[in-house]
Amino acid sequence: MQHNMDNLKEKTAKGLFWGAINNGTIQVLNLLIGIVILRHLTPGDTGLIGMLAIFAAIAGNLQSSGFSTALINEKEPTAKQYNSVFWFNILMGGLLYAILFLSAPLIAWFFHQPALLKLSRFLFLAFFISSFGISTNAYMVKNMMNREITIINVTALVVSGSTAIIMALSGMGYWSLAWQQVVNALMLVLGRFYYVKWRPTLRFTFDYIRQTFSFSMKILVTMIINTVNQNMLTVLFGRLFRDARVVGNFFQAYKWDAMAFQTVGGMLAQVAQPVLVSVRDERDRELQVFRKMVRFASFLAFPALFGLALVAREFILCTIGDEWTDCIPLLQILCISGAFMPLYTLFQNLVISHGRSDVNMWLNIAQILLQLCVILLFYRQGITMMVTAYTIFNILWLAAWQPCARRMIGLRAVDLLRDTLPFMAIAATVMLTTYWLTLPIANLWLLLLVRIAIAAALYYVAMRLLNVAILRECLQFIRKK
């Protein structure tokens, strides 16, 4: 028993370690590539890509249809099951691309942007190409091949980012962003087939699709709802304001925020479901594992997102210039709720690991319906107020997940508060202290660097003085490696 616990702890630690390298490297590269590209684009260019994001994302949800999640949730998925999901994804991907290709004129009309006609037809190729790599990605996640996932993701980003930079420098505007997505999808597919031993065959049936249809459809509905949730404001701005610059500023603010919280959330997502599935028959152990993941998420997410809010002004002005000034307050607001997003990732993986895709689906449906109400109540008061209300609601809605976790593993509300509030309070105190200490600095570059250095040092010292177990375990693992 003890050996199994140590083995799981070691696998989880390795998964988190490589997940940290993967997501950290990806976000740093995204940051550097984005800075170079955005210096040669306008908010209007990114706004056009932002208007199409929801269509490509929903199409991507439909092509996988939740069956990749079903594969990961299996104790020991078979080659036949992988094969069924592979060919189903290909068929769905081709069908959906054809539908969206024919819908391109309607999309261009809806947003009053004629350029979207050709742009959408090309950009949507990315999700069709991605359909060839969904089963292999599920295989890698299930087997916790996090080192290989890291290599593939970094390689794909370097190749696609280099392509986009060359095109942006050549004056190709929004087409550089479109090509980046298509090339990235192609490189991911090729990389996964290189590392995964399993190969699809033409001998297949859809028996597994039928067997897991109910579970997977609930996952699908939830994925679509989450996609709509993540892109809802972009679509509404595009329709209500008919100004690509407004959409571009919000889209850019959300992008930087998402890059930060996905660094933590993505790291957890690579290990959460496989690990929780492995301990779901041991309630006490599962509670212990889940709470440790919550503490780890809080330990990283609160300082990272609060820190981004602290340096948002200097960061935007120093990296992509004065033209993006309007996105600064939006980024600062979004960062507050962004700190809580990795916790959503954990709760969703928990209920899915218990086979309760219905709980995941209905909680997300309720969330988006209430968000629509919030948006309709506040949009007339301007973008800033609308985003503020949206942010507050997303923080409060986390409380809706806790009762489900209590029924499944016994997680009490007081446990959740004990695991999150100390990190939130310390991170907020550190950022406020850093803000006041650095007020006299006028040079933007110096201010950015000094704030990052002081905030990081203060947070580390606070964790050491308080003898925080998560920090101690992280340092021990790094020393051992």
Protein backbone atom coordinates (compact mmCIF):
# COMPACT_ATOMS: atom_id res chain seq x y z
CA MET A 1 0.00 0.00 0.00
CA GLN A 2 2.78 2.39 0.99
CA HIS A 3 4.68 1.48 -2.18
CA ASN A 4 1.63 2.34 -4.30
CA MET A 5 1.24 5.67 -2.54
CA ASP A 6 4.91 6.53 -3.08
CA ASN A 7 4.69 5.45 -6.71
CA LEU A 8 1.62 7.62 -7.32
CA LYS A 9 3.27 10.55 -5.55
CA GLU A 10 6.37 10.16 -7.72
CA LYS A 11 4.34 9.91 -10.95
CA THR A 12 2.26 12.94 -9.96
CA ALA A 13 5.37 14.94 -9.08
CA LYS A 14 6.99 14.05 -12.41
CA GLY A 15 3.78 14.91 -14.23
CA LEU A 16 3.57 18.28 -12.52
CA PHE A 17 7.28 18.90 -13.11
CA TRP A 18 7.01 18.30 -16.84
CA GLY A 19 3.66 20.05 -16.91
CA ALA A 20 5.33 23.09 -15.39
CA ILE A 21 8.12 22.98 -17.97
CA ASN A 22 5.59 22.45 -20.76
CA ASN A 23 3.18 25.21 -19.81
CA GLY A 24 5.87 27.57 -18.57
CA THR A 25 7.92 27.23 -21.74
CA ILE A 26 4.84 27.47 -23.95
CA GLN A 27 3.64 30.65 -22.28
CA VAL A 28 7.07 32.28 -22.35
CA LEU A 29 7.41 31.47 -26.05
CA ASN A 30 3.86 32.69 -26.67
CA LEU A 31 4.76 35.88 -24.85
CA LEU A 32 7.91 36.50 -26.90
CA ILE A 33 6.29 35.54 -30.20
CA GLY A 34 3.20 37.59 -29.40
CA ILE A 35 5.24 40.68 -28.58
CA VAL A 36 7.14 40.51 -31.88
CA ILE A 37 4.00 39.90 -33.94
CA LEU A 38 1.82 42.49 -32.21
CA ARG A 39 4.36 45.22 -32.86
CA HIS A 40 3.56 44.74 -36.54
CA LEU A 41 -0.23 44.30 -36.21
CA THR A 42 -3.11 46.51 -35.15
CA PRO A 43 -5.94 45.82 -32.67
CA GLY A 44 -8.13 45.48 -35.75
CA ASP A 45 -6.01 42.59 -37.05
CA THR A 46 -6.27 40.64 -33.80
CA GLY A 47 -9.94 41.56 -33.57
CA LEU A 48 -10.67 39.69 -36.81
CA ILE A 49 -8.99 36.56 -35.47
CA GLY A 50 -10.83 37.02 -32.17
CA MET A 51 -14.19 37.10 -33.95
CA LEU A 52 -13.48 33.67 -35.44
CA ALA A 53 -12.12 32.11 -32.24
CA ILE A 54 -15.49 30.90 -30.99
CA PHE A 55 -16.37 29.14 -34.26
CA ALA A 56 -13.07 27.29 -34.49
CA ALA A 57 -13.22 26.37 -30.79
CA ILE A 58 -16.77 25.02 -30.93
CA ALA A 59 -15.93 23.06 -34.09
CA GLY A 60 -12.94 21.61 -32.24
CA ASN A 61 -15.24 20.58 -29.38
CA LEU A 62 -17.66 18.91 -31.78
CA GLN A 63 -15.00 16.93 -33.61
CA SER A 64 -13.68 15.34 -30.40
CA SER A 65 -17.19 15.11 -28.92
CA GLY A 66 -15.84 14.27 -25.47
CA PHE A 67 -14.71 10.78 -26.48
CA SER A 68 -11.05 11.60 -25.80
CA THR A 69 -12.06 12.40 -22.21
CA ALA A 70 -13.88 9.07 -22.06
CA LEU A 71 -10.68 7.31 -23.16
CA ILE A 72 -8.67 9.00 -20.41
CA ASN A 73 -11.34 8.03 -17.89
CA GLU A 74 -10.94 4.32 -18.75
CA LYS A 75 -8.76 2.26 -16.44
CA GLU A 76 -7.04 0.52 -19.38
CA PRO A 77 -8.28 1.72 -22.81
CA THR A 78 -7.70 -0.72 -25.69
CA ALA A 79 -6.28 -0.16 -29.17
CA LYS A 80 -9.74 -0.86 -30.58
CA GLN A 81 -11.20 1.95 -28.50
CA TYR A 82 -8.52 4.39 -29.63
CA ASN A 83 -9.17 3.34 -33.22
CA SER A 84 -12.91 3.99 -32.94
CA VAL A 85 -12.37 7.47 -31.55
CA PHE A 86 -9.72 8.27 -34.17
CA TRP A 87 -11.96 7.57 -37.18
CA PHE A 88 -14.97 9.19 -35.57
CA ASN A 89 -12.93 12.37 -35.07
CA ILE A 90 -11.80 12.37 -38.71
CA LEU A 91 -15.37 12.02 -39.99
CA MET A 92 -16.66 14.73 -37.66
CA GLY A 93 -13.76 17.04 -38.51
CA GLY A 94 -14.36 16.75 -42.26
CA LEU A 95 -18.10 17.25 -41.93
CA LEU A 96 -17.75 20.29 -39.68
CA TYR A 97 -15.14 21.92 -41.89
CA ALA A 98 -17.48 21.56 -44.87
CA ILE A 99 -20.31 23.19 -42.90
CA LEU A 100 -18.14 26.08 -41.74
CA PHE A 101 -16.68 26.54 -45.22
CA LEU A 102 -20.19 27.03 -46.57
CA SER A 103 -21.08 29.27 -43.59
CA ALA A 104 -18.22 31.70 -44.21
CA PRO A 105 -20.40 34.31 -46.03
CA LEU A 106 -22.85 34.29 -43.11
CA ILE A 107 -20.03 34.78 -40.59
CA ALA A 108 -18.67 37.73 -42.56
CA TRP A 109 -22.17 39.27 -42.71
CA PHE A 110 -22.82 38.75 -38.99
CA PHE A 111 -19.71 40.72 -37.97
CA HIS A 112 -19.92 43.22 -40.86
CA GLN A 113 -16.36 42.24 -41.86
CA PRO A 114 -15.98 41.11 -45.53
CA ALA A 115 -12.37 40.05 -44.87
CA LEU A 116 -13.67 37.19 -42.73
CA LEU A 117 -14.90 35.29 -45.80
CA LYS A 118 -11.49 34.06 -47.00
CA LEU A 119 -9.87 34.28 -43.59
CA SER A 120 -12.38 31.96 -41.92
CA ARG A 121 -12.16 29.32 -44.64
CA PHE A 122 -8.41 29.13 -44.23
CA LEU A 123 -8.27 29.40 -40.44
CA PHE A 124 -10.80 26.58 -39.93
CA LEU A 125 -8.36 24.18 -41.59
CA ALA A 126 -6.53 24.15 -38.26
CA PHE A 127 -9.25 22.27 -36.40
CA PHE A 128 -9.71 19.76 -39.25
CA ILE A 129 -5.99 19.01 -39.17
CA SER A 130 -6.21 18.71 -35.37
CA SER A 131 -8.81 15.93 -35.68
CA PHE A 132 -6.01 13.57 -36.75
CA GLY A 133 -4.23 14.03 -33.41
CA ILE A 134 -7.01 13.81 -30.83
CA SER A 135 -6.72 10.07 -30.12
CA THR A 136 -2.93 10.20 -29.91
CA ASN A 137 -3.15 13.13 -27.52
CA ALA A 138 -5.56 11.16 -25.32
CA TYR A 139 -3.08 8.26 -25.37
CA MET A 140 -0.25 10.52 -24.22
CA VAL A 141 -2.30 12.16 -21.46
CA LYS A 142 -3.60 8.80 -20.23
CA ASN A 143 -0.07 7.41 -20.04
CA MET A 144 1.25 10.65 -18.52
CA MET A 145 3.83 11.12 -21.30
CA ASN A 146 4.37 14.67 -20.11
CA ARG A 147 7.99 14.89 -21.19
CA GLU A 148 7.07 13.97 -24.77
CA ILE A 149 4.06 16.31 -24.69
CA THR A 150 6.41 19.12 -23.70
CA ILE A 151 8.81 18.42 -26.56
CA ILE A 152 5.97 18.29 -29.11
CA ASN A 153 4.27 21.47 -27.89
CA VAL A 154 7.48 23.49 -27.77
CA THR A 155 8.57 22.33 -31.22
CA ALA A 156 5.16 23.10 -32.73
CA LEU A 157 5.12 26.55 -31.17
CA VAL A 158 8.65 27.42 -32.32
CA VAL A 159 7.92 26.38 -35.92
CA SER A 160 4.48 28.03 -36.10
CA GLY A 161 5.66 31.12 -34.24
CA SER A 162 8.62 31.57 -36.57
CA THR A 163 6.26 31.28 -39.53
CA ALA A 164 3.98 33.95 -38.08
CA ILE A 165 6.86 36.31 -37.28
CA ILE A 166 8.25 36.08 -40.81
CA MET A 167 4.80 36.78 -42.26
CA ALA A 168 4.13 39.67 -39.88
CA LEU A 169 7.47 41.27 -40.75
CA SER A 170 6.51 40.88 -44.41
CA GLY A 171 3.37 42.96 -43.80
CA MET A 172 0.81 40.15 -44.10
CA GLY A 173 -1.20 41.37 -41.08
CA TYR A 174 -3.87 39.05 -39.73
CA TRP A 175 -2.85 36.28 -42.15
CA SER A 176 0.26 35.74 -40.02
CA LEU A 177 -1.93 34.78 -37.05
CA ALA A 178 -4.04 32.47 -39.21
CA TRP A 179 -0.99 30.68 -40.59
CA GLN A 180 0.39 30.32 -37.07
CA GLN A 181 -2.66 28.32 -35.99
CA VAL A 182 -2.69 26.08 -39.07
CA VAL A 183 1.04 25.29 -38.90
CA ASN A 184 0.83 24.68 -35.14
CA ALA A 185 -2.00 22.15 -35.63
CA LEU A 186 -0.03 20.29 -38.28
CA MET A 187 3.14 20.10 -36.16
CA LEU A 188 1.20 18.80 -33.13
CA VAL A 189 -0.33 15.98 -35.16
CA LEU A 190 3.03 14.95 -36.62
CA GLY A 191 4.74 15.09 -33.23
CA ARG A 192 2.13 12.92 -31.52
CA PHE A 193 2.37 10.23 -34.19
CA TYR A 194 6.15 10.26 -33.81
CA TYR A 195 6.01 9.42 -30.08
CA VAL A 196 2.88 7.26 -29.80
CA LYS A 197 3.33 3.56 -30.59
CA TRP A 198 -0.35 2.97 -31.36
CA ARG A 199 -1.37 3.29 -35.00
CA PRO A 200 -4.90 3.51 -36.44
CA THR A 201 -6.12 0.77 -38.77
CA LEU A 202 -8.91 0.65 -41.34
CA ARG A 203 -10.56 -2.22 -39.44
CA PHE A 204 -12.77 -0.47 -36.92
CA THR A 205 -16.30 -0.21 -35.54
CA PHE A 206 -18.08 2.52 -33.62
CA ASP A 207 -19.11 0.20 -30.77
CA TYR A 208 -17.12 2.19 -28.24
CA ILE A 209 -18.69 5.42 -29.50
CA ARG A 210 -22.15 3.98 -28.85
CA GLN A 211 -21.18 2.63 -25.42
CA THR A 212 -19.83 5.93 -24.15
CA PHE A 213 -22.23 8.18 -26.05
CA SER A 214 -24.18 9.45 -23.02
CA PHE A 215 -21.07 10.25 -20.99
CA SER A 216 -19.28 11.83 -23.94
CA MET A 217 -22.22 13.94 -25.09
CA LYS A 218 -22.43 15.53 -21.65
CA ILE A 219 -18.72 16.28 -21.86
CA LEU A 220 -19.33 17.75 -25.33
CA VAL A 221 -22.11 20.03 -24.15
CA THR A 222 -19.90 21.18 -21.29
CA MET A 223 -16.97 21.85 -23.63
CA ILE A 224 -19.17 23.93 -25.91
CA ILE A 225 -20.56 25.86 -22.97
CA ASN A 226 -17.04 26.57 -21.70
CA THR A 227 -16.03 27.68 -25.17
CA VAL A 228 -19.01 30.02 -25.41
CA ASN A 229 -18.20 31.27 -21.92
CA GLN A 230 -14.57 32.02 -22.84
CA ASN A 231 -15.49 33.76 -26.10
CA MET A 232 -18.83 35.30 -25.19
CA LEU A 233 -17.60 38.84 -24.61
CA THR A 234 -15.54 38.82 -27.81
CA VAL A 235 -18.60 37.84 -29.84
CA LEU A 236 -20.85 40.36 -28.10
CA PHE A 237 -18.36 43.18 -28.59
CA GLY A 238 -18.01 42.26 -32.24
CA ARG A 239 -21.77 42.36 -32.74
CA LEU A 240 -22.73 45.25 -30.44
CA PHE A 241 -19.91 47.69 -31.16
CA ARG A 242 -19.05 46.66 -34.73
CA ASP A 243 -15.52 47.85 -34.04
CA ALA A 244 -12.63 45.45 -34.57
CA ARG A 245 -10.41 47.63 -32.34
CA VAL A 246 -12.72 47.17 -29.33
CA VAL A 247 -12.76 43.43 -29.91
CA GLY A 248 -8.99 43.42 -30.40
CA ASN A 249 -8.32 45.20 -27.09
CA PHE A 250 -10.51 42.81 -25.11
CA PHE A 251 -9.24 39.78 -27.01
CA GLN A 252 -5.65 40.78 -26.23
CA ALA A 253 -6.41 41.40 -22.54
CA TYR A 254 -8.11 38.01 -22.25
CA LYS A 255 -5.25 36.36 -24.12
CA TRP A 256 -2.59 37.59 -21.68
CA ASP A 257 -4.78 36.66 -18.72
CA ALA A 258 -5.46 33.20 -20.15
CA MET A 259 -1.77 32.63 -20.82
CA ALA A 260 -1.07 33.21 -17.14
CA PHE A 261 -3.80 31.07 -15.61
CA GLN A 262 -3.41 28.31 -18.21
CA THR A 263 0.23 27.97 -17.21
CA VAL A 264 -1.02 26.68 -13.86
CA GLY A 265 -4.29 25.13 -15.04
CA GLY A 266 -2.63 23.32 -17.93
CA MET A 267 0.00 21.87 -15.64
CA LEU A 268 -2.73 20.48 -13.37
CA ALA A 269 -4.92 19.29 -16.25
CA GLN A 270 -2.12 17.01 -17.51
CA VAL A 271 -2.17 14.98 -14.29
CA ALA A 272 -5.43 15.67 -12.44
CA GLN A 273 -7.80 13.28 -14.20
CA PRO A 274 -5.41 10.30 -14.51
CA VAL A 275 -4.35 10.66 -10.86
CA LEU A 276 -7.89 11.13 -9.53
CA VAL A 277 -9.11 8.14 -11.54
CA SER A 278 -6.38 5.99 -9.97
CA VAL A 279 -7.52 6.84 -6.39
CA ARG A 280 -11.28 7.24 -6.83
CA ASP A 281 -12.00 3.99 -4.93
CA GLU A 282 -10.18 5.32 -1.83
CA ARG A 283 -12.24 8.24 -0.52
CA ASP A 284 -9.85 9.46 2.21
CA ARG A 285 -6.83 9.23 -0.05
CA GLU A 286 -8.66 10.95 -2.86
CA LEU A 287 -9.60 13.84 -0.56
CA GLN A 288 -5.96 14.14 0.54
CA VAL A 289 -4.74 14.15 -3.09
CA PHE A 290 -7.36 16.68 -4.20
CA ARG A 291 -6.66 19.09 -1.36
CA LYS A 292 -2.94 18.98 -2.09
CA MET A 293 -3.70 19.86 -5.71
CA VAL A 294 -5.86 22.77 -4.54
CA ARG A 295 -3.03 24.07 -2.36
CA PHE A 296 -0.54 23.69 -5.20
CA ALA A 297 -2.84 25.57 -7.58
CA SER A 298 -3.36 28.36 -5.05
CA PHE A 299 0.36 28.54 -4.27
CA LEU A 300 1.10 29.30 -7.93
CA ALA A 301 -2.01 30.96 -9.33
CA PHE A 302 -2.60 33.79 -6.86
CA PRO A 303 0.91 35.32 -7.01
CA ALA A 304 1.11 34.79 -10.79
CA LEU A 305 -2.21 36.45 -11.65
CA PHE A 306 -2.14 39.14 -8.97
CA GLY A 307 1.42 39.86 -10.06
CA LEU A 308 0.33 40.24 -13.69
CA ALA A 309 -2.34 42.70 -12.58
CA LEU A 310 0.35 44.63 -10.69
CA VAL A 311 2.62 45.03 -13.72
CA ALA A 312 -0.06 45.13 -16.44
CA ARG A 313 0.53 48.78 -17.36
CA GLU A 314 4.30 48.55 -17.60
CA PHE A 315 4.12 45.17 -19.34
CA ILE A 316 1.73 46.33 -22.09
CA LEU A 317 3.44 49.67 -22.72
CA CYS A 318 6.96 48.21 -22.76
CA THR A 319 6.21 45.19 -24.92
CA ILE A 320 3.49 46.00 -27.46
CA GLY A 321 3.24 49.76 -27.21
CA ASP A 322 0.89 52.68 -26.56
CA GLU A 323 -1.59 51.51 -29.19
CA TRP A 324 -2.80 48.85 -26.75
CA THR A 325 -3.33 51.16 -23.75
CA ASP A 326 -7.09 50.51 -23.70
CA CYS A 327 -6.57 46.84 -22.91
CA ILE A 328 -4.65 47.55 -19.67
CA PRO A 329 -7.61 48.05 -17.28
CA LEU A 330 -9.41 45.07 -18.84
CA LEU A 331 -6.36 42.89 -18.25
CA GLN A 332 -6.07 43.99 -14.62
CA ILE A 333 -9.70 43.15 -13.93
CA LEU A 334 -9.55 39.77 -15.68
CA CYS A 335 -6.45 38.78 -13.73
CA ILE A 336 -8.41 38.81 -10.47
CA SER A 337 -10.81 36.09 -11.61
CA GLY A 338 -8.02 34.42 -13.58
CA ALA A 339 -6.38 33.47 -10.28
CA PHE A 340 -9.37 31.22 -9.54
CA MET A 341 -9.52 29.48 -12.93
CA PRO A 342 -7.11 26.62 -12.06
CA LEU A 343 -9.48 25.69 -9.22
CA TYR A 344 -12.26 25.26 -11.76
CA THR A 345 -9.95 22.90 -13.65
CA LEU A 346 -9.55 20.74 -10.55
CA PHE A 347 -13.26 20.60 -9.73
CA GLN A 348 -14.15 19.69 -13.30
CA ASN A 349 -11.56 16.90 -13.37
CA LEU A 350 -12.84 15.62 -10.04
CA VAL A 351 -16.46 15.19 -11.13
CA ILE A 352 -15.42 13.77 -14.51
CA SER A 353 -13.12 11.23 -12.83
CA HIS A 354 -16.22 10.01 -10.95
CA GLY A 355 -18.08 9.58 -14.24
CA ARG A 356 -20.41 12.48 -13.40
CA SER A 357 -20.23 14.34 -16.68
CA ASP A 358 -23.85 15.34 -16.03
CA VAL A 359 -22.87 17.36 -12.96
CA ASN A 360 -20.12 19.06 -14.94
CA MET A 361 -22.55 19.83 -17.75
CA TRP A 362 -25.38 21.29 -15.66
CA LEU A 363 -23.11 23.44 -13.51
CA ASN A 364 -21.59 24.93 -16.65
CA ILE A 365 -24.99 25.47 -18.27
CA ALA A 366 -26.19 27.32 -15.18
CA GLN A 367 -23.01 29.39 -15.15
CA ILE A 368 -23.29 30.60 -18.72
CA LEU A 369 -27.00 31.41 -18.41
CA LEU A 370 -26.34 33.52 -15.33
CA GLN A 371 -23.36 35.15 -17.03
CA LEU A 372 -25.61 36.20 -19.91
CA CYS A 373 -27.94 37.82 -17.40
CA VAL A 374 -25.03 39.67 -15.81
CA ILE A 375 -23.81 40.87 -19.21
CA LEU A 376 -27.24 42.10 -20.28
CA LEU A 377 -27.58 43.99 -17.00
CA PHE A 378 -24.24 45.79 -17.28
CA TYR A 379 -23.23 46.15 -20.95
CA ARG A 380 -24.90 49.56 -21.34
CA GLN A 381 -22.56 50.91 -18.66
CA GLY A 382 -19.50 50.26 -20.81
CA ILE A 383 -16.87 47.63 -21.37
CA THR A 384 -15.05 48.12 -18.08
CA MET A 385 -18.16 47.73 -15.94
CA MET A 386 -19.29 44.77 -17.99
CA VAL A 387 -15.97 42.96 -17.57
CA THR A 388 -15.92 43.78 -13.84
CA ALA A 389 -19.36 42.25 -13.27
CA TYR A 390 -18.38 39.24 -15.35
CA THR A 391 -15.22 38.78 -13.25
CA ILE A 392 -16.99 39.01 -9.89
CA PHE A 393 -19.57 36.46 -10.95
CA ASN A 394 -16.90 33.97 -12.06
CA ILE A 395 -15.24 34.17 -8.64
CA LEU A 396 -18.50 33.67 -6.76
CA TRP A 397 -19.62 30.78 -8.94
CA LEU A 398 -16.78 28.64 -7.61
CA ALA A 399 -18.94 28.12 -4.51
CA ALA A 400 -21.43 26.13 -6.62
CA TRP A 401 -18.86 23.37 -7.14
CA GLN A 402 -17.97 22.76 -3.49
CA PRO A 403 -21.19 20.88 -2.50
CA CYS A 404 -20.54 18.40 -5.32
CA ALA A 405 -17.00 17.83 -4.10
CA ARG A 406 -18.32 17.30 -0.59
CA ARG A 407 -20.71 14.55 -1.72
CA MET A 408 -17.99 12.82 -3.75
CA ILE A 409 -14.93 13.04 -1.51
CA GLY A 410 -16.01 14.87 1.65
CA LEU A 411 -14.44 18.25 0.85
CA ARG A 412 -15.92 20.78 3.29
CA ALA A 413 -16.22 24.49 2.52
CA VAL A 414 -13.91 25.25 5.44
CA ASP A 415 -11.31 22.89 3.92
CA LEU A 416 -11.46 24.75 0.63
CA LEU A 417 -11.07 28.10 2.38
CA ARG A 418 -8.14 26.85 4.45
CA ASP A 419 -6.40 25.64 1.31
CA THR A 420 -6.90 28.83 -0.72
CA LEU A 421 -7.39 31.94 1.43
CA PRO A 422 -3.89 32.02 3.02
CA PHE A 423 -2.23 32.03 -0.41
CA MET A 424 -4.65 34.63 -1.73
CA ALA A 425 -4.10 36.92 1.27
CA ILE A 426 -0.32 36.61 1.17
CA ALA A 427 -0.19 37.20 -2.59
CA ALA A 428 -2.45 40.27 -2.33
CA THR A 429 -0.38 41.69 0.54
CA VAL A 430 2.86 41.14 -1.37
CA MET A 431 1.54 42.89 -4.48
CA LEU A 432 0.19 45.88 -2.54
CA THR A 433 3.49 46.20 -0.66
CA THR A 434 5.42 46.02 -3.92
CA TYR A 435 3.17 48.64 -5.50
CA TRP A 436 3.79 51.20 -2.73
CA LEU A 437 7.52 50.47 -2.54
CA THR A 438 7.99 51.09 -6.26
CA LEU A 439 5.80 54.18 -6.73
CA PRO A 440 8.77 56.58 -7.03
CA ILE A 441 10.20 54.74 -10.07
CA ALA A 442 9.35 56.55 -13.32
CA ASN A 443 11.16 54.51 -15.99
CA LEU A 444 8.74 51.86 -17.28
CA TRP A 445 11.29 49.14 -18.01
CA LEU A 446 12.99 49.61 -14.65
CA LEU A 447 9.61 49.66 -12.89
CA LEU A 448 8.55 46.40 -14.58
CA LEU A 449 11.74 44.57 -13.66
CA VAL A 450 11.93 45.90 -10.11
CA ARG A 451 8.29 45.06 -9.38
CA ILE A 452 8.73 41.50 -10.62
CA ALA A 453 11.92 41.04 -8.59
CA ILE A 454 10.55 42.53 -5.35
CA ALA A 455 7.22 40.68 -5.57
CA ALA A 456 8.92 37.34 -6.24
CA ALA A 457 11.40 37.85 -3.39
CA LEU A 458 8.72 38.92 -0.89
CA TYR A 459 6.46 35.99 -1.75
CA TYR A 460 9.31 33.49 -1.46
CA VAL A 461 10.42 34.92 1.90
CA ALA A 462 6.84 34.82 3.19
CA MET A 463 6.50 31.16 2.17
CA ARG A 464 9.80 30.25 3.83
CA LEU A 465 9.01 32.10 7.05
CA LEU A 466 5.63 30.39 7.25
CA ASN A 467 7.26 27.04 6.46
CA VAL A 468 4.71 26.26 3.74
CA ALA A 469 4.73 22.53 2.94
CA ILE A 470 4.05 22.98 -0.80
CA LEU A 471 7.15 25.14 -1.24
CA ARG A 472 9.25 22.73 0.78
CA GLU A 473 8.13 19.73 -1.28
CA CYS A 474 8.71 21.57 -4.56
CA LEU A 475 12.25 22.50 -3.54
CA GLN A 476 12.98 18.94 -2.39
CA PHE A 477 11.80 17.52 -5.73
CA ILE A 478 13.85 20.02 -7.74
CA ARG A 479 16.99 19.28 -5.68
CA LYS A 480 16.49 15.54 -6.17
CA LYS A 481 16.15 15.97 -9.94
